[in-house]
Amino acid sequence: MAPIYTGGGDRGTTRLWDGTKVSKRDLRIQLNGTLDEANAALGVAKSGSPTEALKEEIGFIQRELMDLMSFVARGERDVPPPQASRLEEHIDALQEQWPAQGRFVLPGGSLAGSAAHQARAIVRRAERLALELLEEELFDEEAYVYVNRLSDLLYALALACDGEAFVGRVTALVMAAEKASTAARGMTLARAKELLAQAEGEAERVGVPMVVAAVDGSGDLVALHRMDGALPASIDLAPRKAKTAARLRMTTEALSRLVQPGAPLYGLASDPGLCCFGGGVPLQEAGETVGAVGVSGGTVEEDQIVAGRSRDVWESLFQS
């Protein structure tokens, strides 16, 4: 692999595109070095771009900069000057979505926007160098207008980057708030504990030690409460009742009638994952089943009493 160093510039000279040797202090070389700085700053802007569309826009500007640098370093080559109208179309498109407010903008609204502002400031410096070249008749008036328009495009780009980044931050905050609100709904652990405490009180009133299970809308266990003296079999039955009620969106007492021979759901009674006798009740919020409670330990009627108490508590405290 050939080395990237050639030694050709070790004496402070370089070559234009046509092969002419010039000093590295030549205004054309200084201008291209300045444009190269702007391109590097745009690389930072692109890496932090808030949207793919803006990333593509930055890539377009970078390619335009490379073409401009080729024009600056053309020497005696016949290279047409860049057209400002190409940039004006992009400026208009960005301004239509993110119009300027007619005031100075302090950079810092976003990483990409700040880098675009940096590139804009560098291009302004390049414009001053281009003016010197124009005065020495080493530049083109049309190309000078192009450089001026380039800084306008970078200003519009910075506004767009800051605007899109702001929208992204607001969207993230709204989604986080919505997620937190959603997380606070449904069968949370705090709500499950309240239901289990109320169920225990009702079981004590009935006079039977019971096991009470609370599940979420998918039937997955959230909390299980076993009173002293509750039947060991109830540790399995209570979660199954709750799971059945949550997944079928009906009470297990109603299900028990539907699984009898000749009934619509006959056969489900043999499903080992379900429990088809009373004691399980689904719980709703905003018209949607978001959990269930299963009770086991007493007779079917006693289990249903305690489960019904849990549903009443849910509806009075949590149902919106």
C-alpha atoms as a PDB file:
ATOM      1  CA  MET A   1       0.000   0.000   0.000  1.00  0.00           C
ATOM      2  CA  ALA A   2       1.375   3.380  -1.012  1.00  0.00           C
ATOM      3  CA  PRO A   3       2.025   5.811   1.872  1.00  0.00           C
ATOM      4  CA  ILE A   4      -0.218   8.874   2.180  1.00  0.00           C
ATOM      5  CA  TYR A   5       2.835  11.149   2.491  1.00  0.00           C
ATOM      6  CA  THR A   6       4.649  12.183  -0.683  1.00  0.00           C
ATOM      7  CA  GLY A   7       7.019  14.884   0.509  1.00  0.00           C
ATOM      8  CA  GLY A   8       5.841  17.173  -2.279  1.00  0.00           C
ATOM      9  CA  GLY A   9       4.801  19.878   0.137  1.00  0.00           C
ATOM     10  CA  ASP A  10       7.794  19.729   2.449  1.00  0.00           C
ATOM     11  CA  ARG A  11       9.126  23.038   1.069  1.00  0.00           C
ATOM     12  CA  GLY A  12       5.891  24.963   1.566  1.00  0.00           C
ATOM     13  CA  THR A  13       4.483  24.561  -1.920  1.00  0.00           C
ATOM     14  CA  THR A  14       1.630  22.638  -3.469  1.00  0.00           C
ATOM     15  CA  ARG A  15       0.000  22.324  -6.876  1.00  0.00           C
ATOM     16  CA  LEU A  16      -3.231  23.528  -8.392  1.00  0.00           C
ATOM     17  CA  TRP A  17      -5.416  21.190 -10.449  1.00  0.00           C
ATOM     18  CA  ASP A  18      -3.634  22.130 -13.666  1.00  0.00           C
ATOM     19  CA  GLY A  19      -0.234  21.295 -12.148  1.00  0.00           C
ATOM     20  CA  THR A  20       0.853  24.868 -11.393  1.00  0.00           C
ATOM     21  CA  LYS A  21       3.094  25.005  -8.342  1.00  0.00           C
ATOM     22  CA  VAL A  22       2.087  27.666  -5.807  1.00  0.00           C
ATOM     23  CA  SER A  23       2.938  28.610  -2.235  1.00  0.00           C
ATOM     24  CA  LYS A  24       0.774  27.242   0.510  1.00  0.00           C
ATOM     25  CA  ARG A  25       0.226  30.885   1.438  1.00  0.00           C
ATOM     26  CA  ASP A  26      -1.484  31.440  -1.911  1.00  0.00           C
ATOM     27  CA  LEU A  27      -4.972  32.847  -1.309  1.00  0.00           C
ATOM     28  CA  ARG A  28      -6.510  30.018  -3.316  1.00  0.00           C
ATOM     29  CA  ILE A  29      -4.887  27.459  -1.043  1.00  0.00           C
ATOM     30  CA  GLN A  30      -5.949  29.417   2.041  1.00  0.00           C
ATOM     31  CA  LEU A  31      -9.502  29.579   0.729  1.00  0.00           C
ATOM     32  CA  ASN A  32      -9.608  25.852   0.097  1.00  0.00           C
ATOM     33  CA  GLY A  33      -8.147  25.144   3.522  1.00  0.00           C
ATOM     34  CA  THR A  34     -10.903  27.256   5.036  1.00  0.00           C
ATOM     35  CA  LEU A  35     -13.575  25.448   3.044  1.00  0.00           C
ATOM     36  CA  ASP A  36     -12.063  22.170   4.213  1.00  0.00           C
ATOM     37  CA  GLU A  37     -12.528  23.339   7.821  1.00  0.00           C
ATOM     38  CA  ALA A  38     -16.192  24.012   7.062  1.00  0.00           C
ATOM     39  CA  ASN A  39     -16.567  20.548   5.586  1.00  0.00           C
ATOM     40  CA  ALA A  40     -15.051  18.982   8.704  1.00  0.00           C
ATOM     41  CA  ALA A  41     -17.504  20.915  10.900  1.00  0.00           C
ATOM     42  CA  LEU A  42     -20.337  19.630   8.719  1.00  0.00           C
ATOM     43  CA  GLY A  43     -19.088  16.112   9.387  1.00  0.00           C
ATOM     44  CA  VAL A  44     -19.786  16.724  13.078  1.00  0.00           C
ATOM     45  CA  ALA A  45     -23.214  18.102  12.182  1.00  0.00           C
ATOM     46  CA  LYS A  46     -23.999  15.032  10.099  1.00  0.00           C
ATOM     47  CA  SER A  47     -22.956  12.616  12.833  1.00  0.00           C
ATOM     48  CA  GLY A  48     -25.307  14.382  15.259  1.00  0.00           C
ATOM     49  CA  SER A  49     -28.126  15.018  12.788  1.00  0.00           C
ATOM     50  CA  PRO A  50     -31.567  14.638  14.416  1.00  0.00           C
ATOM     51  CA  THR A  51     -33.137  13.218  11.232  1.00  0.00           C
ATOM     52  CA  GLU A  52     -32.118  11.203   8.191  1.00  0.00           C
ATOM     53  CA  ALA A  53     -33.474  13.926   5.917  1.00  0.00           C
ATOM     54  CA  LEU A  54     -31.144  16.516   7.441  1.00  0.00           C
ATOM     55  CA  LYS A  55     -28.258  14.075   7.253  1.00  0.00           C
ATOM     56  CA  GLU A  56     -28.881  13.826   3.509  1.00  0.00           C
ATOM     57  CA  GLU A  57     -29.052  17.623   3.273  1.00  0.00           C
ATOM     58  CA  ILE A  58     -25.693  17.942   5.016  1.00  0.00           C
ATOM     59  CA  GLY A  59     -24.223  15.378   2.636  1.00  0.00           C
ATOM     60  CA  PHE A  60     -25.437  17.493  -0.284  1.00  0.00           C
ATOM     61  CA  ILE A  61     -23.703  20.589   1.134  1.00  0.00           C
ATOM     62  CA  GLN A  62     -20.485  18.638   1.688  1.00  0.00           C
ATOM     63  CA  ARG A  63     -20.480  17.538  -1.944  1.00  0.00           C
ATOM     64  CA  GLU A  64     -21.110  21.127  -3.004  1.00  0.00           C
ATOM     65  CA  LEU A  65     -18.122  22.227  -0.944  1.00  0.00           C
ATOM     66  CA  MET A  66     -15.920  19.664  -2.664  1.00  0.00           C
ATOM     67  CA  ASP A  67     -17.042  20.959  -6.070  1.00  0.00           C
ATOM     68  CA  LEU A  68     -16.349  24.521  -4.955  1.00  0.00           C
ATOM     69  CA  MET A  69     -12.859  23.553  -3.820  1.00  0.00           C
ATOM     70  CA  SER A  70     -12.220  22.000  -7.222  1.00  0.00           C
ATOM     71  CA  PHE A  71     -13.253  25.268  -8.851  1.00  0.00           C
ATOM     72  CA  VAL A  72     -10.991  27.310  -6.553  1.00  0.00           C
ATOM     73  CA  ALA A  73      -7.982  25.071  -7.314  1.00  0.00           C
ATOM     74  CA  ARG A  74      -8.668  24.798 -11.065  1.00  0.00           C
ATOM     75  CA  GLY A  75      -5.730  26.909 -12.208  1.00  0.00           C
ATOM     76  CA  GLU A  76      -5.978  27.176 -15.973  1.00  0.00           C
ATOM     77  CA  ARG A  77      -8.477  24.354 -16.283  1.00  0.00           C
ATOM     78  CA  ASP A  78     -11.810  25.222 -17.829  1.00  0.00           C
ATOM     79  CA  VAL A  79     -14.194  24.614 -14.934  1.00  0.00           C
ATOM     80  CA  PRO A  80     -17.622  26.294 -14.882  1.00  0.00           C
ATOM     81  CA  PRO A  81     -18.362  28.369 -11.772  1.00  0.00           C
ATOM     82  CA  PRO A  82     -20.840  26.905  -9.280  1.00  0.00           C
ATOM     83  CA  GLN A  83     -24.414  28.143  -9.516  1.00  0.00           C
ATOM     84  CA  ALA A  84     -25.958  29.888  -6.522  1.00  0.00           C
ATOM     85  CA  SER A  85     -29.416  28.900  -7.721  1.00  0.00           C
ATOM     86  CA  ARG A  86     -28.681  25.294  -6.708  1.00  0.00           C
ATOM     87  CA  LEU A  87     -28.292  26.432  -3.121  1.00  0.00           C
ATOM     88  CA  GLU A  88     -31.250  28.810  -3.164  1.00  0.00           C
ATOM     89  CA  GLU A  89     -33.632  25.929  -3.843  1.00  0.00           C
ATOM     90  CA  HIS A  90     -32.400  24.172  -0.712  1.00  0.00           C
ATOM     91  CA  ILE A  91     -32.541  27.370   1.344  1.00  0.00           C
ATOM     92  CA  ASP A  92     -36.170  27.941   0.340  1.00  0.00           C
ATOM     93  CA  ALA A  93     -37.110  24.350   1.211  1.00  0.00           C
ATOM     94  CA  LEU A  94     -35.541  24.571   4.670  1.00  0.00           C
ATOM     95  CA  GLN A  95     -36.989  28.025   5.357  1.00  0.00           C
ATOM     96  CA  GLU A  96     -40.462  26.880   4.395  1.00  0.00           C
ATOM     97  CA  GLN A  97     -40.383  24.338   7.214  1.00  0.00           C
ATOM     98  CA  TRP A  98     -38.197  26.239   9.677  1.00  0.00           C
ATOM     99  CA  PRO A  99     -38.493  29.992   8.921  1.00  0.00           C
ATOM    100  CA  ALA A 100     -36.029  32.472  10.404  1.00  0.00           C
ATOM    101  CA  GLN A 101     -37.425  34.622  13.206  1.00  0.00           C
ATOM    102  CA  GLY A 102     -35.606  37.799  12.150  1.00  0.00           C
ATOM    103  CA  ARG A 103     -33.246  37.803  15.100  1.00  0.00           C
ATOM    104  CA  PHE A 104     -29.762  36.651  15.986  1.00  0.00           C
ATOM    105  CA  VAL A 105     -29.521  33.040  17.034  1.00  0.00           C
ATOM    106  CA  LEU A 106     -27.236  31.881  19.813  1.00  0.00           C
ATOM    107  CA  PRO A 107     -25.703  28.512  18.825  1.00  0.00           C
ATOM    108  CA  GLY A 108     -26.279  25.673  21.254  1.00  0.00           C
ATOM    109  CA  GLY A 109     -29.781  24.428  20.483  1.00  0.00           C
ATOM    110  CA  SER A 110     -28.399  21.081  19.337  1.00  0.00           C
ATOM    111  CA  LEU A 111     -25.100  19.384  18.504  1.00  0.00           C
ATOM    112  CA  ALA A 112     -25.860  19.341  14.781  1.00  0.00           C
ATOM    113  CA  GLY A 113     -27.117  22.932  14.805  1.00  0.00           C
ATOM    114  CA  SER A 114     -24.047  24.171  16.669  1.00  0.00           C
ATOM    115  CA  ALA A 115     -21.728  22.429  14.194  1.00  0.00           C
ATOM    116  CA  ALA A 116     -23.711  23.917  11.304  1.00  0.00           C
ATOM    117  CA  HIS A 117     -23.293  27.384  12.854  1.00  0.00           C
ATOM    118  CA  GLN A 118     -19.571  26.718  13.170  1.00  0.00           C
ATOM    119  CA  ALA A 119     -19.436  25.765   9.494  1.00  0.00           C
ATOM    120  CA  ARG A 120     -21.378  28.950   8.671  1.00  0.00           C
ATOM    121  CA  ALA A 121     -18.863  31.110  10.542  1.00  0.00           C
ATOM    122  CA  ILE A 122     -15.978  29.377   8.746  1.00  0.00           C
ATOM    123  CA  VAL A 123     -17.642  29.955   5.373  1.00  0.00           C
ATOM    124  CA  ARG A 124     -17.997  33.641   6.259  1.00  0.00           C
ATOM    125  CA  ARG A 125     -14.226  33.708   6.698  1.00  0.00           C
ATOM    126  CA  ALA A 126     -13.883  31.906   3.386  1.00  0.00           C
ATOM    127  CA  GLU A 127     -16.042  34.608   1.817  1.00  0.00           C
ATOM    128  CA  ARG A 128     -13.582  37.272   2.948  1.00  0.00           C
ATOM    129  CA  LEU A 129     -10.734  35.356   1.340  1.00  0.00           C
ATOM    130  CA  ALA A 130     -12.797  34.906  -1.809  1.00  0.00           C
ATOM    131  CA  LEU A 131     -13.312  38.671  -1.951  1.00  0.00           C
ATOM    132  CA  GLU A 132      -9.547  39.203  -1.993  1.00  0.00           C
ATOM    133  CA  LEU A 133      -9.246  36.701  -4.835  1.00  0.00           C
ATOM    134  CA  LEU A 134     -12.071  38.437  -6.682  1.00  0.00           C
ATOM    135  CA  GLU A 135     -10.271  41.759  -6.357  1.00  0.00           C
ATOM    136  CA  GLU A 136      -7.119  40.128  -7.771  1.00  0.00           C
ATOM    137  CA  GLU A 137      -9.184  38.683 -10.630  1.00  0.00           C
ATOM    138  CA  LEU A 138      -8.431  35.112  -9.509  1.00  0.00           C
ATOM    139  CA  PHE A 139     -12.028  34.364  -8.676  1.00  0.00           C
ATOM    140  CA  ASP A 140     -15.381  34.643 -10.417  1.00  0.00           C
ATOM    141  CA  GLU A 141     -18.265  36.964  -9.489  1.00  0.00           C
ATOM    142  CA  GLU A 142     -20.787  34.160  -9.876  1.00  0.00           C
ATOM    143  CA  ALA A 143     -18.667  31.932  -7.646  1.00  0.00           C
ATOM    144  CA  TYR A 144     -18.454  34.720  -5.072  1.00  0.00           C
ATOM    145  CA  VAL A 145     -22.261  34.929  -4.954  1.00  0.00           C
ATOM    146  CA  TYR A 146     -22.262  31.160  -4.490  1.00  0.00           C
ATOM    147  CA  VAL A 147     -19.980  31.411  -1.431  1.00  0.00           C
ATOM    148  CA  ASN A 148     -22.223  34.079   0.045  1.00  0.00           C
ATOM    149  CA  ARG A 149     -25.289  31.938  -0.554  1.00  0.00           C
ATOM    150  CA  LEU A 150     -23.528  28.960   1.002  1.00  0.00           C
ATOM    151  CA  SER A 151     -23.375  30.694   4.373  1.00  0.00           C
ATOM    152  CA  ASP A 152     -27.107  31.471   4.049  1.00  0.00           C
ATOM    153  CA  LEU A 153     -27.780  27.776   3.452  1.00  0.00           C
ATOM    154  CA  LEU A 154     -25.754  26.820   6.519  1.00  0.00           C
ATOM    155  CA  TYR A 155     -27.752  29.304   8.603  1.00  0.00           C
ATOM    156  CA  ALA A 156     -31.006  27.731   7.400  1.00  0.00           C
ATOM    157  CA  LEU A 157     -29.546  24.289   8.073  1.00  0.00           C
ATOM    158  CA  ALA A 158     -28.633  25.235  11.645  1.00  0.00           C
ATOM    159  CA  LEU A 159     -32.187  26.456  12.308  1.00  0.00           C
ATOM    160  CA  ALA A 160     -33.593  23.226  10.902  1.00  0.00           C
ATOM    161  CA  CYS A 161     -31.262  21.073  13.008  1.00  0.00           C
ATOM    162  CA  ASP A 162     -32.159  22.978  16.180  1.00  0.00           C
ATOM    163  CA  GLY A 163     -35.864  22.819  15.326  1.00  0.00           C
ATOM    164  CA  GLU A 164     -35.885  19.092  14.603  1.00  0.00           C
ATOM    165  CA  ALA A 165     -33.832  18.399  17.728  1.00  0.00           C
ATOM    166  CA  PHE A 166     -36.335  20.409  19.800  1.00  0.00           C
ATOM    167  CA  VAL A 167     -39.218  18.438  18.323  1.00  0.00           C
ATOM    168  CA  GLY A 168     -37.343  15.239  19.129  1.00  0.00           C
ATOM    169  CA  ARG A 169     -36.824  16.284  22.746  1.00  0.00           C
ATOM    170  CA  VAL A 170     -40.475  17.260  23.181  1.00  0.00           C
ATOM    171  CA  THR A 171     -41.601  14.003  21.588  1.00  0.00           C
ATOM    172  CA  ALA A 172     -39.350  12.030  23.934  1.00  0.00           C
ATOM    173  CA  LEU A 173     -40.765  13.874  26.954  1.00  0.00           C
ATOM    174  CA  VAL A 174     -44.348  13.268  25.840  1.00  0.00           C
ATOM    175  CA  MET A 175     -43.658   9.577  25.221  1.00  0.00           C
ATOM    176  CA  ALA A 176     -41.947   9.256  28.603  1.00  0.00           C
ATOM    177  CA  ALA A 177     -44.899  10.918  30.322  1.00  0.00           C
ATOM    178  CA  GLU A 178     -47.316   8.670  28.442  1.00  0.00           C
ATOM    179  CA  LYS A 179     -45.283   5.620  29.375  1.00  0.00           C
ATOM    180  CA  ALA A 180     -45.246   6.675  33.017  1.00  0.00           C
ATOM    181  CA  SER A 181     -48.991   7.272  32.886  1.00  0.00           C
ATOM    182  CA  THR A 182     -49.561   3.875  31.302  1.00  0.00           C
ATOM    183  CA  ALA A 183     -47.291   2.210  33.844  1.00  0.00           C
ATOM    184  CA  ALA A 184     -49.352   3.750  36.650  1.00  0.00           C
ATOM    185  CA  ARG A 185     -52.512   2.234  35.184  1.00  0.00           C
ATOM    186  CA  GLY A 186     -53.538  -1.389  35.141  1.00  0.00           C
ATOM    187  CA  MET A 187     -52.551  -3.944  37.737  1.00  0.00           C
ATOM    188  CA  THR A 188     -49.569  -2.333  39.443  1.00  0.00           C
ATOM    189  CA  LEU A 189     -47.997  -3.855  42.548  1.00  0.00           C
ATOM    190  CA  ALA A 190     -49.371  -1.037  44.709  1.00  0.00           C
ATOM    191  CA  ARG A 191     -52.892  -1.685  43.440  1.00  0.00           C
ATOM    192  CA  ALA A 192     -52.498  -5.428  43.855  1.00  0.00           C
ATOM    193  CA  LYS A 193     -51.444  -4.974  47.489  1.00  0.00           C
ATOM    194  CA  GLU A 194     -54.528  -2.868  48.155  1.00  0.00           C
ATOM    195  CA  LEU A 195     -56.797  -5.501  46.637  1.00  0.00           C
ATOM    196  CA  LEU A 196     -55.158  -8.338  48.564  1.00  0.00           C
ATOM    197  CA  ALA A 197     -55.484  -6.445  51.841  1.00  0.00           C
ATOM    198  CA  GLN A 198     -59.177  -5.825  51.175  1.00  0.00           C
ATOM    199  CA  ALA A 199     -59.661  -9.470  50.174  1.00  0.00           C
ATOM    200  CA  GLU A 200     -58.043 -10.662  53.394  1.00  0.00           C
ATOM    201  CA  GLY A 201     -60.407  -8.495  55.398  1.00  0.00           C
ATOM    202  CA  GLU A 202     -63.383  -9.956  53.550  1.00  0.00           C
ATOM    203  CA  ALA A 203     -62.074 -13.516  54.022  1.00  0.00           C
ATOM    204  CA  GLU A 204     -61.765 -12.885  57.750  1.00  0.00           C
ATOM    205  CA  ARG A 205     -65.356 -11.645  57.793  1.00  0.00           C
ATOM    206  CA  VAL A 206     -66.429 -14.834  55.976  1.00  0.00           C
ATOM    207  CA  GLY A 207     -64.338 -16.786  58.453  1.00  0.00           C
ATOM    208  CA  VAL A 208     -62.224 -18.794  55.990  1.00  0.00           C
ATOM    209  CA  PRO A 209     -58.441 -18.512  55.453  1.00  0.00           C
ATOM    210  CA  MET A 210     -57.836 -18.035  51.765  1.00  0.00           C
ATOM    211  CA  VAL A 211     -55.223 -17.519  49.077  1.00  0.00           C
ATOM    212  CA  VAL A 212     -55.711 -14.466  46.827  1.00  0.00           C
ATOM    213  CA  ALA A 213     -53.818 -13.849  43.589  1.00  0.00           C
ATOM    214  CA  ALA A 214     -53.676 -10.699  41.464  1.00  0.00           C
ATOM    215  CA  VAL A 215     -52.557 -10.877  37.822  1.00  0.00           C
ATOM    216  CA  ASP A 216     -52.097  -8.330  35.032  1.00  0.00           C
ATOM    217  CA  GLY A 217     -54.081  -8.151  31.802  1.00  0.00           C
ATOM    218  CA  SER A 218     -52.050 -10.974  30.266  1.00  0.00           C
ATOM    219  CA  GLY A 219     -52.720 -13.261  33.220  1.00  0.00           C
ATOM    220  CA  ASP A 220     -49.175 -13.018  34.598  1.00  0.00           C
ATOM    221  CA  LEU A 221     -48.880 -13.008  38.378  1.00  0.00           C
ATOM    222  CA  VAL A 222     -48.332  -9.646  40.086  1.00  0.00           C
ATOM    223  CA  ALA A 223     -48.895 -10.611  43.738  1.00  0.00           C
ATOM    224  CA  LEU A 224     -49.979 -13.620  45.814  1.00  0.00           C
ATOM    225  CA  HIS A 225     -51.266 -13.538  49.384  1.00  0.00           C
ATOM    226  CA  ARG A 226     -51.647 -16.690  51.498  1.00  0.00           C
ATOM    227  CA  MET A 227     -53.456 -16.375  54.792  1.00  0.00           C
ATOM    228  CA  ASP A 228     -52.394 -18.559  57.706  1.00  0.00           C
ATOM    229  CA  GLY A 229     -54.191 -21.885  57.569  1.00  0.00           C
ATOM    230  CA  ALA A 230     -55.177 -21.651  53.882  1.00  0.00           C
ATOM    231  CA  LEU A 231     -55.374 -24.962  52.010  1.00  0.00           C
ATOM    232  CA  PRO A 232     -52.127 -25.852  50.175  1.00  0.00           C
ATOM    233  CA  ALA A 233     -54.096 -26.606  47.006  1.00  0.00           C
ATOM    234  CA  SER A 234     -55.327 -23.002  46.968  1.00  0.00           C
ATOM    235  CA  ILE A 235     -51.777 -21.766  46.252  1.00  0.00           C
ATOM    236  CA  ASP A 236     -52.176 -23.267  42.780  1.00  0.00           C
ATOM    237  CA  LEU A 237     -55.872 -22.661  42.293  1.00  0.00           C
ATOM    238  CA  ALA A 238     -56.020 -18.926  43.088  1.00  0.00           C
ATOM    239  CA  PRO A 239     -53.495 -17.867  40.374  1.00  0.00           C
ATOM    240  CA  ARG A 240     -55.189 -20.186  37.851  1.00  0.00           C
ATOM    241  CA  LYS A 241     -58.557 -18.604  38.537  1.00  0.00           C
ATOM    242  CA  ALA A 242     -57.094 -15.126  38.140  1.00  0.00           C
ATOM    243  CA  LYS A 243     -55.256 -16.099  34.942  1.00  0.00           C
ATOM    244  CA  THR A 244     -58.413 -17.660  33.494  1.00  0.00           C
ATOM    245  CA  ALA A 245     -60.510 -14.581  34.256  1.00  0.00           C
ATOM    246  CA  ALA A 246     -57.910 -12.231  32.757  1.00  0.00           C
ATOM    247  CA  ARG A 247     -57.301 -14.185  29.565  1.00  0.00           C
ATOM    248  CA  LEU A 248     -60.921 -15.078  28.832  1.00  0.00           C
ATOM    249  CA  ARG A 249     -62.221 -11.670  29.967  1.00  0.00           C
ATOM    250  CA  MET A 250     -64.981 -13.224  32.072  1.00  0.00           C
ATOM    251  CA  THR A 251     -65.599 -14.464  35.584  1.00  0.00           C
ATOM    252  CA  THR A 252     -64.721 -18.087  36.211  1.00  0.00           C
ATOM    253  CA  GLU A 253     -68.262 -18.506  37.598  1.00  0.00           C
ATOM    254  CA  ALA A 254     -69.686 -17.523  34.189  1.00  0.00           C
ATOM    255  CA  LEU A 255     -67.151 -19.783  32.501  1.00  0.00           C
ATOM    256  CA  SER A 256     -68.213 -22.728  34.650  1.00  0.00           C
ATOM    257  CA  ARG A 257     -71.636 -22.680  32.959  1.00  0.00           C
ATOM    258  CA  LEU A 258     -70.127 -22.464  29.476  1.00  0.00           C
ATOM    259  CA  VAL A 259     -67.941 -25.556  29.813  1.00  0.00           C
ATOM    260  CA  GLN A 260     -70.740 -27.972  30.660  1.00  0.00           C
ATOM    261  CA  PRO A 261     -71.538 -30.740  28.151  1.00  0.00           C
ATOM    262  CA  GLY A 262     -73.363 -29.242  25.205  1.00  0.00           C
ATOM    263  CA  ALA A 263     -72.372 -25.659  26.153  1.00  0.00           C
ATOM    264  CA  PRO A 264     -70.374 -23.431  23.718  1.00  0.00           C
ATOM    265  CA  LEU A 265     -67.022 -23.835  25.521  1.00  0.00           C
ATOM    266  CA  TYR A 266     -67.337 -27.509  26.394  1.00  0.00           C
ATOM    267  CA  GLY A 267     -63.843 -28.991  26.499  1.00  0.00           C
ATOM    268  CA  LEU A 268     -62.071 -26.041  28.080  1.00  0.00           C
ATOM    269  CA  ALA A 269     -62.597 -27.609  31.474  1.00  0.00           C
ATOM    270  CA  SER A 270     -59.921 -30.148  30.565  1.00  0.00           C
ATOM    271  CA  ASP A 271     -57.338 -27.432  29.892  1.00  0.00           C
ATOM    272  CA  PRO A 272     -54.777 -27.733  32.731  1.00  0.00           C
ATOM    273  CA  GLY A 273     -53.936 -24.037  32.523  1.00  0.00           C
ATOM    274  CA  LEU A 274     -57.493 -22.927  33.265  1.00  0.00           C
ATOM    275  CA  CYS A 275     -59.704 -23.113  36.315  1.00  0.00           C
ATOM    276  CA  CYS A 276     -63.374 -23.292  35.437  1.00  0.00           C
ATOM    277  CA  PHE A 277     -65.196 -22.766  38.706  1.00  0.00           C
ATOM    278  CA  GLY A 278     -66.061 -19.616  40.649  1.00  0.00           C
ATOM    279  CA  GLY A 279     -63.575 -17.329  42.391  1.00  0.00           C
ATOM    280  CA  GLY A 280     -61.904 -15.498  39.504  1.00  0.00           C
ATOM    281  CA  VAL A 281     -63.018 -12.028  38.338  1.00  0.00           C
ATOM    282  CA  PRO A 282     -61.586  -9.802  35.581  1.00  0.00           C
ATOM    283  CA  LEU A 283     -60.870  -6.157  36.390  1.00  0.00           C
ATOM    284  CA  GLN A 284     -61.361  -3.323  33.923  1.00  0.00           C
ATOM    285  CA  GLU A 285     -60.059   0.177  33.472  1.00  0.00           C
ATOM    286  CA  ALA A 286     -61.321   2.546  30.779  1.00  0.00           C
ATOM    287  CA  GLY A 287     -63.341  -0.316  29.320  1.00  0.00           C
ATOM    288  CA  GLU A 288     -60.351  -2.625  28.968  1.00  0.00           C
ATOM    289  CA  THR A 289     -59.486  -5.721  30.997  1.00  0.00           C
ATOM    290  CA  VAL A 290     -56.207  -4.871  32.731  1.00  0.00           C
ATOM    291  CA  GLY A 291     -56.027  -7.587  35.359  1.00  0.00           C
ATOM    292  CA  ALA A 292     -57.901 -10.092  37.473  1.00  0.00           C
ATOM    293  CA  VAL A 293     -58.177 -11.494  40.988  1.00  0.00           C
ATOM    294  CA  GLY A 294     -58.446 -15.180  41.879  1.00  0.00           C
ATOM    295  CA  VAL A 295     -59.594 -16.442  45.270  1.00  0.00           C
ATOM    296  CA  SER A 296     -59.415 -19.987  46.627  1.00  0.00           C
ATOM    297  CA  GLY A 297     -59.830 -21.590  50.047  1.00  0.00           C
ATOM    298  CA  GLY A 298     -63.511 -21.773  50.822  1.00  0.00           C
ATOM    299  CA  THR A 299     -66.561 -23.052  49.021  1.00  0.00           C
ATOM    300  CA  VAL A 300     -67.184 -21.739  45.524  1.00  0.00           C
ATOM    301  CA  GLU A 301     -69.760 -19.346  46.959  1.00  0.00           C
ATOM    302  CA  GLU A 302     -67.336 -18.094  49.642  1.00  0.00           C
ATOM    303  CA  ASP A 303     -64.564 -17.636  47.078  1.00  0.00           C
ATOM    304  CA  GLN A 304     -66.946 -15.647  44.882  1.00  0.00           C
ATOM    305  CA  ILE A 305     -67.921 -13.387  47.793  1.00  0.00           C
ATOM    306  CA  VAL A 306     -64.281 -12.461  48.444  1.00  0.00           C
ATOM    307  CA  ALA A 307     -63.511 -12.098  44.735  1.00  0.00           C
ATOM    308  CA  GLY A 308     -66.574  -9.878  44.325  1.00  0.00           C
ATOM    309  CA  ARG A 309     -65.372  -7.690  47.186  1.00  0.00           C
ATOM    310  CA  SER A 310     -62.023  -7.262  45.369  1.00  0.00           C
ATOM    311  CA  ARG A 311     -63.822  -6.225  42.182  1.00  0.00           C
ATOM    312  CA  ASP A 312     -65.941  -3.696  44.109  1.00  0.00           C
ATOM    313  CA  VAL A 313     -62.787  -2.202  45.642  1.00  0.00           C
ATOM    314  CA  TRP A 314     -61.155  -1.995  42.222  1.00  0.00           C
ATOM    315  CA  GLU A 315     -64.127  -0.237  40.680  1.00  0.00           C
ATOM    316  CA  SER A 316     -64.423   2.256  43.510  1.00  0.00           C
ATOM    317  CA  LEU A 317     -60.722   3.113  43.675  1.00  0.00           C
ATOM    318  CA  PHE A 318     -59.176   2.582  40.255  1.00  0.00           C
ATOM    319  CA  GLN A 319     -61.682   2.279  37.420  1.00  0.00           C
ATOM    320  CA  SER A 320     -61.834   5.456  35.353  1.00  0.00           C
END
